[in-house]
Amino acid sequence: MSLNFDVIGVKKGPFELEYNWNKLALYALSVGSTVNEELEYVYEKSMKIIPTYWAAILGFTSFTDAYEYGQNIPTTLHFGFEIEFHKPITNTNGKIHYTIELKDIYDRGEGRGSLAIIEAIAYDEQDEKLFTLITKDIDLSTGGFGGEQPPREIVNFPEGTPDFEVKDHIGPNQAALYRIDNDANILHIDPDFALEGGFVKPIIMGMCTVGYACRALLKTVCQPEQIKKLKVRFTAPLELDQPITTQIWKIDETNAMFKLINNSTNDVVLNFCSVELF
């Protein structure tokens, strides 16, 4: 397949997402919430929304189809994302609408793939801006086409012992549960398709893993409505049925940095991550 640069700068949409407490509870369960410890995310009475729910639109078919640019799906991986909330979202029933635009495609070099930057801007039913979402995808099969290199980004991560460590476990059925209402990519459930993409077995969705990390933040440094900006890099795949630890460094009253580790392999699955609070 060859990359299609003509779609850069073309805005698609608006697309609509209707949500309710059922969808919010299903999302919370799919990212590891439990009734015993996190009732407020799975029960409609006084329900709170895990903020990464809104970033889960990245996995919707309508979203991925909107910025099709000639990428090879089995070799395309999520590199990272950031979401900035323009105001807290606390309504547990409603609709949002959003537009999607492919901002650019960078060349990471032969054997390292292309890097696509996609932006979505979401609004509520009164057309007030809710959040801006930027996602970055790598297609490992399309590097070395002679394009511009991606901007270099330097992250100064704190040294020393983290202020918080939250241990958890991603169960064997978590990908099957997550894909019911979020990312239905068969890479995460079909063993043959996973092999085609270079994996021994299906892996958990990166955005599902982010949900686990966000829950760790909510247990230690903030409430859901306090999160203003969340930024994440995906640095290693994660198989199902694995123990994990989210390490968190509190920088100041409104900023923290974090990473998520696979306890079985010591691989850093999410790295160079940060959260900013209102």
C-alpha atoms as a PDB file:
ATOM      1  CA  MET A   1       0.000   0.000   0.000  1.00  0.00           C
ATOM      2  CA  SER A   2       1.113   3.577  -0.614  1.00  0.00           C
ATOM      3  CA  LEU A   3       0.431   6.576   1.587  1.00  0.00           C
ATOM      4  CA  ASN A   4      -2.191   9.087   0.463  1.00  0.00           C
ATOM      5  CA  PHE A   5      -1.049  12.602   1.324  1.00  0.00           C
ATOM      6  CA  ASP A   6      -4.076  14.225  -0.309  1.00  0.00           C
ATOM      7  CA  VAL A   7      -6.185  13.621   2.810  1.00  0.00           C
ATOM      8  CA  ILE A   8      -3.932  15.799   4.989  1.00  0.00           C
ATOM      9  CA  GLY A   9      -5.859  18.844   6.174  1.00  0.00           C
ATOM     10  CA  VAL A  10      -9.259  17.469   5.147  1.00  0.00           C
ATOM     11  CA  LYS A  11     -11.710  17.801   8.039  1.00  0.00           C
ATOM     12  CA  LYS A  12     -14.243  14.949   8.383  1.00  0.00           C
ATOM     13  CA  GLY A  13     -17.498  14.908  10.304  1.00  0.00           C
ATOM     14  CA  PRO A  14     -19.211  15.859  12.420  1.00  0.00           C
ATOM     15  CA  PHE A  15     -19.582  12.441  14.023  1.00  0.00           C
ATOM     16  CA  GLU A  16     -21.869  11.847  16.964  1.00  0.00           C
ATOM     17  CA  LEU A  17     -21.485   9.855  20.157  1.00  0.00           C
ATOM     18  CA  GLU A  18     -24.535   9.261  22.328  1.00  0.00           C
ATOM     19  CA  TYR A  19     -23.635   8.057  25.797  1.00  0.00           C
ATOM     20  CA  ASN A  20     -25.374   7.063  29.007  1.00  0.00           C
ATOM     21  CA  TRP A  21     -24.594   5.450  32.340  1.00  0.00           C
ATOM     22  CA  ASN A  22     -24.701   1.985  30.765  1.00  0.00           C
ATOM     23  CA  LYS A  23     -21.867   2.813  28.369  1.00  0.00           C
ATOM     24  CA  LEU A  24     -19.888   4.551  31.101  1.00  0.00           C
ATOM     25  CA  ALA A  25     -20.254   1.576  33.444  1.00  0.00           C
ATOM     26  CA  LEU A  26     -19.269  -0.894  30.718  1.00  0.00           C
ATOM     27  CA  TYR A  27     -16.175   1.195  29.983  1.00  0.00           C
ATOM     28  CA  ALA A  28     -15.254   1.317  33.676  1.00  0.00           C
ATOM     29  CA  LEU A  29     -15.588  -2.468  34.007  1.00  0.00           C
ATOM     30  CA  SER A  30     -13.546  -2.994  30.829  1.00  0.00           C
ATOM     31  CA  VAL A  31     -10.634  -0.995  32.290  1.00  0.00           C
ATOM     32  CA  GLY A  32     -10.658  -2.907  35.563  1.00  0.00           C
ATOM     33  CA  SER A  33     -13.035  -1.047  37.893  1.00  0.00           C
ATOM     34  CA  THR A  34     -14.606  -3.182  40.606  1.00  0.00           C
ATOM     35  CA  VAL A  35     -17.841  -2.837  42.548  1.00  0.00           C
ATOM     36  CA  ASN A  36     -16.068  -3.214  45.891  1.00  0.00           C
ATOM     37  CA  GLU A  37     -13.512  -0.429  45.366  1.00  0.00           C
ATOM     38  CA  GLU A  38     -14.885   1.860  42.633  1.00  0.00           C
ATOM     39  CA  LEU A  39     -18.652   1.784  42.863  1.00  0.00           C
ATOM     40  CA  GLU A  40     -18.893   5.401  41.707  1.00  0.00           C
ATOM     41  CA  TYR A  41     -17.763   4.397  38.193  1.00  0.00           C
ATOM     42  CA  VAL A  42     -20.071   1.404  37.691  1.00  0.00           C
ATOM     43  CA  TYR A  43     -23.293   2.443  39.467  1.00  0.00           C
ATOM     44  CA  GLU A  44     -25.572   5.120  38.037  1.00  0.00           C
ATOM     45  CA  LYS A  45     -26.295   6.681  41.437  1.00  0.00           C
ATOM     46  CA  SER A  46     -23.931   9.674  41.830  1.00  0.00           C
ATOM     47  CA  MET A  47     -21.853   8.260  38.969  1.00  0.00           C
ATOM     48  CA  LYS A  48     -18.480   9.715  38.006  1.00  0.00           C
ATOM     49  CA  ILE A  49     -16.886   9.392  34.575  1.00  0.00           C
ATOM     50  CA  ILE A  50     -13.390   7.989  34.096  1.00  0.00           C
ATOM     51  CA  PRO A  51     -11.941  10.751  31.848  1.00  0.00           C
ATOM     52  CA  THR A  52     -10.165   8.364  29.453  1.00  0.00           C
ATOM     53  CA  TYR A  53     -13.616   7.230  28.300  1.00  0.00           C
ATOM     54  CA  TRP A  54     -13.615  10.210  25.933  1.00  0.00           C
ATOM     55  CA  ALA A  55     -10.273   9.239  24.384  1.00  0.00           C
ATOM     56  CA  ALA A  56     -11.714   5.786  23.626  1.00  0.00           C
ATOM     57  CA  ILE A  57     -13.383   7.258  20.513  1.00  0.00           C
ATOM     58  CA  LEU A  58      -9.952   6.690  18.914  1.00  0.00           C
ATOM     59  CA  GLY A  59     -10.888   3.037  18.507  1.00  0.00           C
ATOM     60  CA  PHE A  60     -14.294   3.600  16.907  1.00  0.00           C
ATOM     61  CA  THR A  61     -14.596   2.422  13.308  1.00  0.00           C
ATOM     62  CA  SER A  62     -16.075   5.790  12.336  1.00  0.00           C
ATOM     63  CA  PHE A  63     -12.971   7.477  13.743  1.00  0.00           C
ATOM     64  CA  THR A  64     -10.364   5.238  12.102  1.00  0.00           C
ATOM     65  CA  ASP A  65     -12.184   5.185   8.759  1.00  0.00           C
ATOM     66  CA  ALA A  66     -12.316   8.990   8.738  1.00  0.00           C
ATOM     67  CA  TYR A  67      -8.551   9.373   8.395  1.00  0.00           C
ATOM     68  CA  GLU A  68      -7.715   6.392   6.171  1.00  0.00           C
ATOM     69  CA  TYR A  69      -4.479   7.423   4.454  1.00  0.00           C
ATOM     70  CA  GLY A  70      -3.172   4.200   2.942  1.00  0.00           C
ATOM     71  CA  GLN A  71      -1.810   2.706   6.138  1.00  0.00           C
ATOM     72  CA  ASN A  72      -1.408  -1.069   6.472  1.00  0.00           C
ATOM     73  CA  ILE A  73      -3.735  -1.986   9.348  1.00  0.00           C
ATOM     74  CA  PRO A  74      -1.904  -5.123  10.676  1.00  0.00           C
ATOM     75  CA  THR A  75       1.348  -3.139  11.017  1.00  0.00           C
ATOM     76  CA  THR A  76      -0.210   0.073  12.349  1.00  0.00           C
ATOM     77  CA  LEU A  77       0.230   0.713  16.067  1.00  0.00           C
ATOM     78  CA  HIS A  78      -0.851   3.458  18.423  1.00  0.00           C
ATOM     79  CA  PHE A  79       2.210   5.571  19.266  1.00  0.00           C
ATOM     80  CA  GLY A  80       0.607   7.967  21.738  1.00  0.00           C
ATOM     81  CA  PHE A  81      -2.109  10.505  22.366  1.00  0.00           C
ATOM     82  CA  GLU A  82      -3.016  13.576  24.375  1.00  0.00           C
ATOM     83  CA  ILE A  83      -6.391  14.898  25.399  1.00  0.00           C
ATOM     84  CA  GLU A  84      -7.122  18.370  26.751  1.00  0.00           C
ATOM     85  CA  PHE A  85     -10.451  19.082  28.407  1.00  0.00           C
ATOM     86  CA  HIS A  86     -11.756  22.605  27.990  1.00  0.00           C
ATOM     87  CA  LYS A  87     -14.153  22.068  30.873  1.00  0.00           C
ATOM     88  CA  PRO A  88     -14.990  19.115  33.141  1.00  0.00           C
ATOM     89  CA  ILE A  89     -17.567  16.651  31.786  1.00  0.00           C
ATOM     90  CA  THR A  90     -19.891  15.450  34.532  1.00  0.00           C
ATOM     91  CA  ASN A  91     -23.167  14.764  32.693  1.00  0.00           C
ATOM     92  CA  THR A  92     -23.640  10.970  32.510  1.00  0.00           C
ATOM     93  CA  ASN A  93     -26.257  11.055  29.742  1.00  0.00           C
ATOM     94  CA  GLY A  94     -26.014  13.044  26.549  1.00  0.00           C
ATOM     95  CA  LYS A  95     -24.475  13.474  23.113  1.00  0.00           C
ATOM     96  CA  ILE A  96     -21.242  14.896  21.814  1.00  0.00           C
ATOM     97  CA  HIS A  97     -20.236  15.625  18.231  1.00  0.00           C
ATOM     98  CA  TYR A  98     -16.713  15.869  16.894  1.00  0.00           C
ATOM     99  CA  THR A  99     -14.687  16.503  13.765  1.00  0.00           C
ATOM    100  CA  ILE A 100     -11.538  14.656  12.716  1.00  0.00           C
ATOM    101  CA  GLU A 101      -8.572  15.953  10.733  1.00  0.00           C
ATOM    102  CA  LEU A 102      -5.359  14.260   9.613  1.00  0.00           C
ATOM    103  CA  LYS A 103      -2.796  16.958  10.407  1.00  0.00           C
ATOM    104  CA  ASP A 104       0.370  15.434   8.915  1.00  0.00           C
ATOM    105  CA  ILE A 105       2.301  12.273   8.045  1.00  0.00           C
ATOM    106  CA  TYR A 106       5.974  12.166   9.037  1.00  0.00           C
ATOM    107  CA  ASP A 107       8.749   9.836   7.917  1.00  0.00           C
ATOM    108  CA  ARG A 108      10.533   8.055  10.793  1.00  0.00           C
ATOM    109  CA  GLY A 109      12.946   6.337   8.380  1.00  0.00           C
ATOM    110  CA  GLU A 110      13.353   2.986   6.677  1.00  0.00           C
ATOM    111  CA  GLY A 111      12.246   0.167   8.968  1.00  0.00           C
ATOM    112  CA  ARG A 112      10.820   2.615  11.555  1.00  0.00           C
ATOM    113  CA  GLY A 113       7.602   3.502   9.815  1.00  0.00           C
ATOM    114  CA  SER A 114       5.502   6.590   9.194  1.00  0.00           C
ATOM    115  CA  LEU A 115       3.955   8.706  11.949  1.00  0.00           C
ATOM    116  CA  ALA A 116       0.472  10.136  11.401  1.00  0.00           C
ATOM    117  CA  ILE A 117      -0.921  12.961  13.556  1.00  0.00           C
ATOM    118  CA  ILE A 118      -4.720  13.090  13.849  1.00  0.00           C
ATOM    119  CA  GLU A 119      -6.769  15.726  15.701  1.00  0.00           C
ATOM    120  CA  ALA A 120     -10.363  15.515  16.919  1.00  0.00           C
ATOM    121  CA  ILE A 121     -12.294  18.400  18.454  1.00  0.00           C
ATOM    122  CA  ALA A 122     -15.465  17.572  20.399  1.00  0.00           C
ATOM    123  CA  TYR A 123     -18.460  19.719  21.345  1.00  0.00           C
ATOM    124  CA  ASP A 124     -21.498  19.254  23.545  1.00  0.00           C
ATOM    125  CA  GLU A 125     -25.154  19.648  22.514  1.00  0.00           C
ATOM    126  CA  GLN A 126     -24.895  23.426  23.039  1.00  0.00           C
ATOM    127  CA  ASP A 127     -21.857  23.548  20.707  1.00  0.00           C
ATOM    128  CA  GLU A 128     -19.505  24.370  23.556  1.00  0.00           C
ATOM    129  CA  LYS A 129     -16.038  22.927  23.085  1.00  0.00           C
ATOM    130  CA  LEU A 130     -15.455  19.936  25.376  1.00  0.00           C
ATOM    131  CA  PHE A 131     -12.047  18.550  24.489  1.00  0.00           C
ATOM    132  CA  THR A 132      -9.291  18.407  21.913  1.00  0.00           C
ATOM    133  CA  LEU A 133      -7.821  14.977  21.230  1.00  0.00           C
ATOM    134  CA  ILE A 134      -4.575  14.370  19.339  1.00  0.00           C
ATOM    135  CA  THR A 135      -3.496  10.853  18.469  1.00  0.00           C
ATOM    136  CA  LYS A 136      -0.340   9.549  16.842  1.00  0.00           C
ATOM    137  CA  ASP A 137      -0.192   6.299  14.846  1.00  0.00           C
ATOM    138  CA  ILE A 138       2.823   4.463  13.443  1.00  0.00           C
ATOM    139  CA  ASP A 139       2.629   2.261  10.353  1.00  0.00           C
ATOM    140  CA  LEU A 140       5.790   0.172  10.555  1.00  0.00           C
ATOM    141  CA  SER A 141       5.565  -0.812   6.875  1.00  0.00           C
ATOM    142  CA  THR A 142       5.719   2.665   5.317  1.00  0.00           C
ATOM    143  CA  GLY A 143       8.882   4.399   6.558  1.00  0.00           C
ATOM    144  CA  GLY A 144      11.630   5.714   4.317  1.00  0.00           C
ATOM    145  CA  PHE A 145       9.495   7.539   1.761  1.00  0.00           C
ATOM    146  CA  GLY A 146      11.616  10.690   1.910  1.00  0.00           C
ATOM    147  CA  GLY A 147       9.222  12.819   3.934  1.00  0.00           C
ATOM    148  CA  GLU A 148       9.810  15.269   6.757  1.00  0.00           C
ATOM    149  CA  GLN A 149      10.999  13.801  10.046  1.00  0.00           C
ATOM    150  CA  PRO A 150       8.705  14.200  13.068  1.00  0.00           C
ATOM    151  CA  PRO A 151       9.475  17.027  15.496  1.00  0.00           C
ATOM    152  CA  ARG A 152      11.759  15.919  18.290  1.00  0.00           C
ATOM    153  CA  GLU A 153      10.093  15.835  21.670  1.00  0.00           C
ATOM    154  CA  ILE A 154      12.160  15.805  24.874  1.00  0.00           C
ATOM    155  CA  VAL A 155      10.494  14.741  28.118  1.00  0.00           C
ATOM    156  CA  ASN A 156      12.341  15.285  31.393  1.00  0.00           C
ATOM    157  CA  PHE A 157      11.110  12.437  33.544  1.00  0.00           C
ATOM    158  CA  PRO A 158      11.667  12.603  37.318  1.00  0.00           C
ATOM    159  CA  GLU A 159      14.353  10.484  38.929  1.00  0.00           C
ATOM    160  CA  GLY A 160      14.071   8.575  42.169  1.00  0.00           C
ATOM    161  CA  THR A 161      11.328   6.596  43.860  1.00  0.00           C
ATOM    162  CA  PRO A 162       7.764   7.299  42.710  1.00  0.00           C
ATOM    163  CA  ASP A 163       5.385   8.922  45.174  1.00  0.00           C
ATOM    164  CA  PHE A 164       2.733   6.289  44.482  1.00  0.00           C
ATOM    165  CA  GLU A 165       2.657   2.751  43.106  1.00  0.00           C
ATOM    166  CA  VAL A 166      -0.684   1.156  42.233  1.00  0.00           C
ATOM    167  CA  LYS A 167      -0.673  -2.564  41.467  1.00  0.00           C
ATOM    168  CA  ASP A 168      -3.347  -4.174  39.316  1.00  0.00           C
ATOM    169  CA  HIS A 169      -3.959  -7.117  37.016  1.00  0.00           C
ATOM    170  CA  ILE A 170      -5.248  -7.142  33.444  1.00  0.00           C
ATOM    171  CA  GLY A 171      -7.476 -10.198  33.185  1.00  0.00           C
ATOM    172  CA  PRO A 172      -7.607 -12.755  30.336  1.00  0.00           C
ATOM    173  CA  ASN A 173     -10.995 -11.494  29.103  1.00  0.00           C
ATOM    174  CA  GLN A 174     -10.306  -7.763  29.301  1.00  0.00           C
ATOM    175  CA  ALA A 175      -9.823  -7.230  25.554  1.00  0.00           C
ATOM    176  CA  ALA A 176     -13.049  -9.096  24.769  1.00  0.00           C
ATOM    177  CA  LEU A 177     -14.910  -6.913  27.259  1.00  0.00           C
ATOM    178  CA  TYR A 178     -13.329  -3.654  26.070  1.00  0.00           C
ATOM    179  CA  ARG A 179     -14.112  -4.263  22.397  1.00  0.00           C
ATOM    180  CA  ILE A 180     -17.882  -4.607  23.011  1.00  0.00           C
ATOM    181  CA  ASP A 181     -18.367  -0.842  22.971  1.00  0.00           C
ATOM    182  CA  ASN A 182     -14.938   0.561  22.115  1.00  0.00           C
ATOM    183  CA  ASP A 183     -12.085  -0.700  19.924  1.00  0.00           C
ATOM    184  CA  ALA A 184     -13.286  -3.718  17.916  1.00  0.00           C
ATOM    185  CA  ASN A 185      -9.935  -4.223  16.117  1.00  0.00           C
ATOM    186  CA  ILE A 186      -9.561  -7.995  15.727  1.00  0.00           C
ATOM    187  CA  LEU A 187      -5.833  -7.707  16.482  1.00  0.00           C
ATOM    188  CA  HIS A 188      -6.891  -7.902  20.124  1.00  0.00           C
ATOM    189  CA  ILE A 189      -8.890 -11.127  19.891  1.00  0.00           C
ATOM    190  CA  ASP A 190      -7.989 -13.051  16.700  1.00  0.00           C
ATOM    191  CA  PRO A 191      -4.791 -15.145  17.127  1.00  0.00           C
ATOM    192  CA  ASP A 192      -4.218 -15.480  13.360  1.00  0.00           C
ATOM    193  CA  PHE A 193      -4.562 -11.749  12.762  1.00  0.00           C
ATOM    194  CA  ALA A 194      -2.231 -11.066  15.695  1.00  0.00           C
ATOM    195  CA  LEU A 195       0.404 -13.318  14.081  1.00  0.00           C
ATOM    196  CA  GLU A 196       0.028 -11.373  10.833  1.00  0.00           C
ATOM    197  CA  GLY A 197       0.829  -8.217  12.792  1.00  0.00           C
ATOM    198  CA  GLY A 198       3.965  -9.813  14.286  1.00  0.00           C
ATOM    199  CA  PHE A 199       2.582 -10.780  17.705  1.00  0.00           C
ATOM    200  CA  VAL A 200       2.668 -14.248  19.256  1.00  0.00           C
ATOM    201  CA  LYS A 201      -0.873 -13.805  20.544  1.00  0.00           C
ATOM    202  CA  PRO A 202      -3.487 -11.032  20.788  1.00  0.00           C
ATOM    203  CA  ILE A 203      -2.457  -8.008  22.850  1.00  0.00           C
ATOM    204  CA  ILE A 204      -4.516  -5.671  25.001  1.00  0.00           C
ATOM    205  CA  MET A 205      -5.602  -2.372  23.477  1.00  0.00           C
ATOM    206  CA  GLY A 206      -3.297   0.482  24.378  1.00  0.00           C
ATOM    207  CA  MET A 207      -6.293   2.622  25.266  1.00  0.00           C
ATOM    208  CA  CYS A 208      -7.572  -0.063  27.627  1.00  0.00           C
ATOM    209  CA  THR A 209      -4.209  -0.012  29.385  1.00  0.00           C
ATOM    210  CA  VAL A 210      -4.492   3.776  29.635  1.00  0.00           C
ATOM    211  CA  GLY A 211      -7.790   3.299  31.450  1.00  0.00           C
ATOM    212  CA  TYR A 212      -5.978   1.258  34.106  1.00  0.00           C
ATOM    213  CA  ALA A 213      -3.374   4.008  34.501  1.00  0.00           C
ATOM    214  CA  CYS A 214      -6.080   6.662  34.751  1.00  0.00           C
ATOM    215  CA  ARG A 215      -7.784   4.685  37.513  1.00  0.00           C
ATOM    216  CA  ALA A 216      -4.459   4.668  39.368  1.00  0.00           C
ATOM    217  CA  LEU A 217      -4.299   8.468  39.073  1.00  0.00           C
ATOM    218  CA  LEU A 218      -7.847   8.762  40.399  1.00  0.00           C
ATOM    219  CA  LYS A 219      -6.902   6.642  43.406  1.00  0.00           C
ATOM    220  CA  THR A 220      -3.897   8.777  44.300  1.00  0.00           C
ATOM    221  CA  VAL A 221      -3.674  12.344  42.975  1.00  0.00           C
ATOM    222  CA  CYS A 222      -7.033  13.630  41.694  1.00  0.00           C
ATOM    223  CA  GLN A 223     -10.751  13.323  41.075  1.00  0.00           C
ATOM    224  CA  PRO A 224     -12.098  12.757  37.531  1.00  0.00           C
ATOM    225  CA  GLU A 225     -13.355  16.315  37.057  1.00  0.00           C
ATOM    226  CA  GLN A 226      -9.909  17.715  37.980  1.00  0.00           C
ATOM    227  CA  ILE A 227      -8.103  16.275  34.963  1.00  0.00           C
ATOM    228  CA  LYS A 228      -7.360  19.006  32.420  1.00  0.00           C
ATOM    229  CA  LYS A 229      -4.780  17.330  30.208  1.00  0.00           C
ATOM    230  CA  LEU A 230      -3.487  13.786  29.837  1.00  0.00           C
ATOM    231  CA  LYS A 231      -0.547  12.782  27.669  1.00  0.00           C
ATOM    232  CA  VAL A 232       0.591   9.202  26.997  1.00  0.00           C
ATOM    233  CA  ARG A 233       3.247   7.331  25.005  1.00  0.00           C
ATOM    234  CA  PHE A 234       2.890   3.646  24.160  1.00  0.00           C
ATOM    235  CA  THR A 235       6.296   2.000  24.412  1.00  0.00           C
ATOM    236  CA  ALA A 236       5.680  -1.764  24.569  1.00  0.00           C
ATOM    237  CA  PRO A 237       2.853  -4.178  23.766  1.00  0.00           C
ATOM    238  CA  LEU A 238       1.118  -5.960  26.628  1.00  0.00           C
ATOM    239  CA  GLU A 239      -0.389  -9.429  26.500  1.00  0.00           C
ATOM    240  CA  LEU A 240      -3.521 -10.332  28.411  1.00  0.00           C
ATOM    241  CA  ASP A 241      -3.582 -11.825  31.920  1.00  0.00           C
ATOM    242  CA  GLN A 242      -0.611  -9.802  33.176  1.00  0.00           C
ATOM    243  CA  PRO A 243       0.172  -8.078  36.513  1.00  0.00           C
ATOM    244  CA  ILE A 244       0.908  -4.359  36.159  1.00  0.00           C
ATOM    245  CA  THR A 245       2.088  -1.434  38.274  1.00  0.00           C
ATOM    246  CA  THR A 246       1.407   2.250  37.646  1.00  0.00           C
ATOM    247  CA  GLN A 247       4.170   4.440  39.075  1.00  0.00           C
ATOM    248  CA  ILE A 248       3.292   8.080  39.767  1.00  0.00           C
ATOM    249  CA  TRP A 249       5.507  11.077  40.586  1.00  0.00           C
ATOM    250  CA  LYS A 250       3.733  14.156  41.918  1.00  0.00           C
ATOM    251  CA  ILE A 251       5.509  17.202  40.468  1.00  0.00           C
ATOM    252  CA  ASP A 252       3.391  19.877  42.154  1.00  0.00           C
ATOM    253  CA  GLU A 253      -0.241  20.491  43.071  1.00  0.00           C
ATOM    254  CA  THR A 254      -1.442  20.444  39.465  1.00  0.00           C
ATOM    255  CA  ASN A 255       1.051  18.200  37.659  1.00  0.00           C
ATOM    256  CA  ALA A 256       2.163  14.580  37.886  1.00  0.00           C
ATOM    257  CA  MET A 257       4.047  12.128  35.678  1.00  0.00           C
ATOM    258  CA  PHE A 258       3.539   8.413  35.431  1.00  0.00           C
ATOM    259  CA  LYS A 259       4.431   5.160  33.721  1.00  0.00           C
ATOM    260  CA  LEU A 260       2.891   1.689  33.620  1.00  0.00           C
ATOM    261  CA  ILE A 261       5.036  -1.445  33.920  1.00  0.00           C
ATOM    262  CA  ASN A 262       4.408  -5.080  33.033  1.00  0.00           C
ATOM    263  CA  ASN A 263       5.463  -6.829  36.245  1.00  0.00           C
ATOM    264  CA  SER A 264       6.106 -10.127  34.440  1.00  0.00           C
ATOM    265  CA  THR A 265       8.704  -8.708  32.034  1.00  0.00           C
ATOM    266  CA  ASN A 266       9.586  -5.304  33.559  1.00  0.00           C
ATOM    267  CA  ASP A 267       8.712  -3.758  30.182  1.00  0.00           C
ATOM    268  CA  VAL A 268       7.553  -0.149  30.401  1.00  0.00           C
ATOM    269  CA  VAL A 269       4.249  -0.293  28.538  1.00  0.00           C
ATOM    270  CA  LEU A 270       3.256   3.370  28.998  1.00  0.00           C
ATOM    271  CA  ASN A 271       6.072   5.883  29.375  1.00  0.00           C
ATOM    272  CA  PHE A 272       6.747   9.642  29.376  1.00  0.00           C
ATOM    273  CA  CYS A 273       3.159  10.149  30.561  1.00  0.00           C
ATOM    274  CA  SER A 274       1.826  13.257  32.281  1.00  0.00           C
ATOM    275  CA  VAL A 275      -1.354  14.641  33.778  1.00  0.00           C
ATOM    276  CA  GLU A 276      -2.245  18.286  34.363  1.00  0.00           C
ATOM    277  CA  LEU A 277      -5.086  19.309  36.659  1.00  0.00           C
ATOM    278  CA  PHE A 278      -7.495  22.240  36.589  1.00  0.00           C
END
